[in-house]
């Protein structure tokens, strides 16, 4: 599994819980307002996250 980003702590994405967010690359929608374009557009995806970091 390709992982393009990891947010080790989030208090917003799962209300009332402490969680982490794992970002996976790729999307075919190409929304002009996308705030995660560097993660979802294959031509902009950078280095993969090391498995040990997850």
PDB file of N, CA and C in Angstrom:
ATOM      1  N   UNK A   1       0.845  -1.181   0.000  1.00  0.00           N
ATOM      2  CA  UNK A   1       0.000   0.000   0.000  1.00  0.00           C
ATOM      3  C   UNK A   1       0.885   1.237   0.000  1.00  0.00           C
ATOM      4  N   UNK A   2       0.616   2.137  -0.900  1.00  0.00           N
ATOM      5  CA  UNK A   2       1.361   3.393  -0.944  1.00  0.00           C
ATOM      6  C   UNK A   2       0.766   4.375   0.054  1.00  0.00           C
ATOM      7  N   UNK A   3       1.631   4.997   0.815  1.00  0.00           N
ATOM      8  CA  UNK A   3       1.223   6.008   1.789  1.00  0.00           C
ATOM      9  C   UNK A   3       1.963   7.287   1.443  1.00  0.00           C
ATOM     10  N   UNK A   4       1.220   8.344   1.189  1.00  0.00           N
ATOM     11  CA  UNK A   4       1.841   9.612   0.796  1.00  0.00           C
ATOM     12  C   UNK A   4       1.969  10.601   1.937  1.00  0.00           C
ATOM     13  N   UNK A   5       1.267  10.360   3.016  1.00  0.00           N
ATOM     14  CA  UNK A   5       1.343  11.271   4.138  1.00  0.00           C
ATOM     15  C   UNK A   5       0.788  10.642   5.396  1.00  0.00           C
ATOM     16  N   UNK A   6       1.228  11.151   6.510  1.00  0.00           N
ATOM     17  CA  UNK A   6       0.790  10.640   7.799  1.00  0.00           C
ATOM     18  C   UNK A   6       0.676  11.803   8.773  1.00  0.00           C
ATOM     19  N   UNK A   7      -0.492  11.967   9.331  1.00  0.00           N
ATOM     20  CA  UNK A   7      -0.696  12.949  10.392  1.00  0.00           C
ATOM     21  C   UNK A   7      -0.836  12.133  11.670  1.00  0.00           C
ATOM     22  N   UNK A   8       0.194  12.181  12.505  1.00  0.00           N
ATOM     23  CA  UNK A   8       0.247  11.302  13.673  1.00  0.00           C
ATOM     24  C   UNK A   8      -0.796  11.614  14.734  1.00  0.00           C
ATOM     25  N   UNK A   9      -1.300  12.839  14.752  1.00  0.00           N
ATOM     26  CA  UNK A   9      -2.298  13.211  15.754  1.00  0.00           C
ATOM     27  C   UNK A   9      -3.338  14.118  15.130  1.00  0.00           C
ATOM     28  N   UNK A  10      -4.594  13.747  15.271  1.00  0.00           N
ATOM     29  CA  UNK A  10      -5.697  14.606  14.859  1.00  0.00           C
ATOM     30  C   UNK A  10      -6.805  14.510  15.894  1.00  0.00           C
ATOM     31  N   UNK A  11      -7.340  15.643  16.251  1.00  0.00           N
ATOM     32  CA  UNK A  11      -8.462  15.703  17.183  1.00  0.00           C
ATOM     33  C   UNK A  11      -9.732  16.130  16.464  1.00  0.00           C
ATOM     34  N   UNK A  12      -9.641  16.386  15.150  1.00  0.00           N
ATOM     35  CA  UNK A  12     -10.772  16.902  14.377  1.00  0.00           C
ATOM     36  C   UNK A  12     -11.473  15.857  13.521  1.00  0.00           C
ATOM     37  N   UNK A  13     -10.736  14.888  13.000  1.00  0.00           N
ATOM     38  CA  UNK A  13     -11.282  13.976  12.002  1.00  0.00           C
ATOM     39  C   UNK A  13     -12.175  12.877  12.573  1.00  0.00           C
ATOM     40  N   UNK A  14     -12.063  12.584  13.844  1.00  0.00           N
ATOM     41  CA  UNK A  14     -12.880  11.562  14.494  1.00  0.00           C
ATOM     42  C   UNK A  14     -13.353  12.174  15.811  1.00  0.00           C
ATOM     43  N   UNK A  15     -14.450  12.928  15.775  1.00  0.00           N
ATOM     44  CA  UNK A  15     -14.901  13.720  16.924  1.00  0.00           C
ATOM     45  C   UNK A  15     -14.953  12.928  18.237  1.00  0.00           C
ATOM     46  N   UNK A  16     -14.344  13.527  19.244  1.00  0.00           N
ATOM     47  CA  UNK A  16     -14.333  12.920  20.568  1.00  0.00           C
ATOM     48  C   UNK A  16     -13.257  11.872  20.765  1.00  0.00           C
ATOM     49  N   UNK A  17     -12.443  11.632  19.751  1.00  0.00           N
ATOM     50  CA  UNK A  17     -11.400  10.608  19.830  1.00  0.00           C
ATOM     51  C   UNK A  17     -10.061  11.180  19.381  1.00  0.00           C
ATOM     52  N   UNK A  18      -8.995  10.584  19.882  1.00  0.00           N
ATOM     53  CA  UNK A  18      -7.652  10.885  19.407  1.00  0.00           C
ATOM     54  C   UNK A  18      -7.363   9.885  18.294  1.00  0.00           C
ATOM     55  N   UNK A  19      -6.894  10.360  17.155  1.00  0.00           N
ATOM     56  CA  UNK A  19      -6.675   9.475  16.008  1.00  0.00           C
ATOM     57  C   UNK A  19      -5.482   9.950  15.196  1.00  0.00           C
ATOM     58  N   UNK A  20      -5.119   9.167  14.200  1.00  0.00           N
ATOM     59  CA  UNK A  20      -4.138   9.589  13.207  1.00  0.00           C
ATOM     60  C   UNK A  20      -4.816   9.504  11.843  1.00  0.00           C
ATOM     61  N   UNK A  21      -4.247  10.199  10.866  1.00  0.00           N
ATOM     62  CA  UNK A  21      -4.786  10.185   9.513  1.00  0.00           C
ATOM     63  C   UNK A  21      -3.703   9.700   8.565  1.00  0.00           C
ATOM     64  N   UNK A  22      -4.037   8.705   7.751  1.00  0.00           N
ATOM     65  CA  UNK A  22      -3.123   8.170   6.746  1.00  0.00           C
ATOM     66  C   UNK A  22      -3.631   8.617   5.379  1.00  0.00           C
ATOM     67  N   UNK A  23      -2.761   9.254   4.601  1.00  0.00           N
ATOM     68  CA  UNK A  23      -3.123   9.748   3.274  1.00  0.00           C
ATOM     69  C   UNK A  23      -2.577   8.799   2.211  1.00  0.00           C
ATOM     70  N   UNK A  24      -3.442   8.366   1.303  1.00  0.00           N
ATOM     71  CA  UNK A  24      -3.031   7.503   0.199  1.00  0.00           C
ATOM     72  C   UNK A  24      -3.064   8.304  -1.099  1.00  0.00           C
ATOM     73  N   UNK A  25      -2.152   8.010  -2.029  1.00  0.00           N
ATOM     74  CA  UNK A  25      -2.075   8.802  -3.261  1.00  0.00           C
ATOM     75  C   UNK A  25      -3.088   8.367  -4.309  1.00  0.00           C
ATOM     76  N   UNK A  26      -3.404   9.294  -5.185  1.00  0.00           N
ATOM     77  CA  UNK A  26      -4.228   8.991  -6.343  1.00  0.00           C
ATOM     78  C   UNK A  26      -5.664   9.455  -6.210  1.00  0.00           C
ATOM     79  N   UNK A  27      -6.152  10.099  -7.249  1.00  0.00           N
ATOM     80  CA  UNK A  27      -7.539  10.544  -7.325  1.00  0.00           C
ATOM     81  C   UNK A  27      -7.807  10.914  -8.777  1.00  0.00           C
ATOM     82  N   UNK A  28      -8.974  10.563  -9.285  1.00  0.00           N
ATOM     83  CA  UNK A  28      -9.273  10.867 -10.681  1.00  0.00           C
ATOM     84  C   UNK A  28     -10.261  12.015 -10.847  1.00  0.00           C
ATOM     85  N   UNK A  29     -10.598  12.722  -9.780  1.00  0.00           N
ATOM     86  CA  UNK A  29     -11.603  13.779  -9.868  1.00  0.00           C
ATOM     87  C   UNK A  29     -11.042  15.120 -10.327  1.00  0.00           C
ATOM     88  N   UNK A  30      -9.809  15.463  -9.936  1.00  0.00           N
ATOM     89  CA  UNK A  30      -9.138  16.707 -10.340  1.00  0.00           C
ATOM     90  C   UNK A  30      -9.938  17.962  -9.990  1.00  0.00           C
ATOM     91  N   UNK A  31     -10.474  18.009  -8.787  1.00  0.00           N
ATOM     92  CA  UNK A  31     -11.243  19.173  -8.336  1.00  0.00           C
ATOM     93  C   UNK A  31     -10.329  20.397  -8.267  1.00  0.00           C
ATOM     94  N   UNK A  32     -10.724  21.526  -8.826  1.00  0.00           N
ATOM     95  CA  UNK A  32      -9.869  22.712  -8.818  1.00  0.00           C
ATOM     96  C   UNK A  32      -9.659  23.288  -7.417  1.00  0.00           C
ATOM     97  N   UNK A  33     -10.520  22.942  -6.474  1.00  0.00           N
ATOM     98  CA  UNK A  33     -10.430  23.467  -5.111  1.00  0.00           C
ATOM     99  C   UNK A  33      -9.777  22.489  -4.135  1.00  0.00           C
ATOM    100  N   UNK A  34      -9.238  21.383  -4.627  1.00  0.00           N
ATOM    101  CA  UNK A  34      -8.675  20.341  -3.763  1.00  0.00           C
ATOM    102  C   UNK A  34      -7.546  20.900  -2.893  1.00  0.00           C
ATOM    103  N   UNK A  35      -7.648  20.703  -1.576  1.00  0.00           N
ATOM    104  CA  UNK A  35      -6.603  21.180  -0.673  1.00  0.00           C
ATOM    105  C   UNK A  35      -5.536  20.110  -0.426  1.00  0.00           C
ATOM    106  N   UNK A  36      -5.677  18.933  -1.035  1.00  0.00           N
ATOM    107  CA  UNK A  36      -4.682  17.865  -0.911  1.00  0.00           C
ATOM    108  C   UNK A  36      -4.045  17.509  -2.252  1.00  0.00           C
ATOM    109  N   UNK A  37      -4.042  18.431  -3.192  1.00  0.00           N
ATOM    110  CA  UNK A  37      -3.502  18.146  -4.527  1.00  0.00           C
ATOM    111  C   UNK A  37      -2.085  17.564  -4.494  1.00  0.00           C
ATOM    112  N   UNK A  38      -1.183  18.042  -3.648  1.00  0.00           N
ATOM    113  CA  UNK A  38       0.158  17.448  -3.628  1.00  0.00           C
ATOM    114  C   UNK A  38       0.159  15.974  -3.225  1.00  0.00           C
ATOM    115  N   UNK A  39      -0.894  15.515  -2.551  1.00  0.00           N
ATOM    116  CA  UNK A  39      -0.964  14.111  -2.150  1.00  0.00           C
ATOM    117  C   UNK A  39      -1.697  13.241  -3.156  1.00  0.00           C
ATOM    118  N   UNK A  40      -2.688  13.775  -3.830  1.00  0.00           N
ATOM    119  CA  UNK A  40      -3.541  12.929  -4.666  1.00  0.00           C
ATOM    120  C   UNK A  40      -3.183  12.933  -6.144  1.00  0.00           C
ATOM    121  N   UNK A  41      -2.497  13.949  -6.619  1.00  0.00           N
ATOM    122  CA  UNK A  41      -2.122  13.992  -8.030  1.00  0.00           C
ATOM    123  C   UNK A  41      -0.814  13.227  -8.228  1.00  0.00           C
ATOM    124  N   UNK A  42      -0.827  12.159  -9.022  1.00  0.00           N
ATOM    125  CA  UNK A  42       0.370  11.319  -9.175  1.00  0.00           C
ATOM    126  C   UNK A  42       1.610  12.102  -9.596  1.00  0.00           C
ATOM    127  N   UNK A  43       1.433  13.128 -10.412  1.00  0.00           N
ATOM    128  CA  UNK A  43       2.598  13.893 -10.869  1.00  0.00           C
ATOM    129  C   UNK A  43       3.202  14.765  -9.765  1.00  0.00           C
ATOM    130  N   UNK A  44       2.487  14.958  -8.668  1.00  0.00           N
ATOM    131  CA  UNK A  44       2.988  15.774  -7.563  1.00  0.00           C
ATOM    132  C   UNK A  44       3.355  14.954  -6.331  1.00  0.00           C
ATOM    133  N   UNK A  45       3.060  13.651  -6.351  1.00  0.00           N
ATOM    134  CA  UNK A  45       3.324  12.803  -5.184  1.00  0.00           C
ATOM    135  C   UNK A  45       4.824  12.691  -4.987  1.00  0.00           C
ATOM    136  N   UNK A  46       5.253  12.950  -3.764  1.00  0.00           N
ATOM    137  CA  UNK A  46       6.675  12.904  -3.450  1.00  0.00           C
ATOM    138  C   UNK A  46       7.093  11.556  -2.915  1.00  0.00           C
ATOM    139  N   UNK A  47       7.927  11.581  -1.926  1.00  0.00           N
ATOM    140  CA  UNK A  47       8.495  10.388  -1.344  1.00  0.00           C
ATOM    141  C   UNK A  47       7.450   9.640  -0.524  1.00  0.00           C
ATOM    142  N   UNK A  48       7.491   8.309  -0.599  1.00  0.00           N
ATOM    143  CA  UNK A  48       6.578   7.495   0.192  1.00  0.00           C
ATOM    144  C   UNK A  48       6.972   7.542   1.662  1.00  0.00           C
ATOM    145  N   UNK A  49       5.996   7.373   2.534  1.00  0.00           N
ATOM    146  CA  UNK A  49       6.230   7.318   3.971  1.00  0.00           C
ATOM    147  C   UNK A  49       6.746   5.933   4.334  1.00  0.00           C
ATOM    148  N   UNK A  50       7.755   5.874   5.173  1.00  0.00           N
ATOM    149  CA  UNK A  50       8.320   4.609   5.602  1.00  0.00           C
ATOM    150  C   UNK A  50       7.305   3.845   6.450  1.00  0.00           C
ATOM    151  N   UNK A  51       7.234   2.533   6.253  1.00  0.00           N
ATOM    152  CA  UNK A  51       6.284   1.686   6.969  1.00  0.00           C
ATOM    153  C   UNK A  51       6.453   1.790   8.480  1.00  0.00           C
ATOM    154  N   UNK A  52       7.673   1.955   8.946  1.00  0.00           N
ATOM    155  CA  UNK A  52       7.941   2.027  10.378  1.00  0.00           C
ATOM    156  C   UNK A  52       7.364   3.288  11.008  1.00  0.00           C
ATOM    157  N   UNK A  53       7.188   4.351  10.228  1.00  0.00           N
ATOM    158  CA  UNK A  53       6.601   5.580  10.750  1.00  0.00           C
ATOM    159  C   UNK A  53       5.128   5.396  11.072  1.00  0.00           C
ATOM    160  N   UNK A  54       4.462   4.511  10.331  1.00  0.00           N
ATOM    161  CA  UNK A  54       3.040   4.261  10.534  1.00  0.00           C
ATOM    162  C   UNK A  54       2.887   3.415  11.761  1.00  0.00           C
TER     163      UNK A  54
END
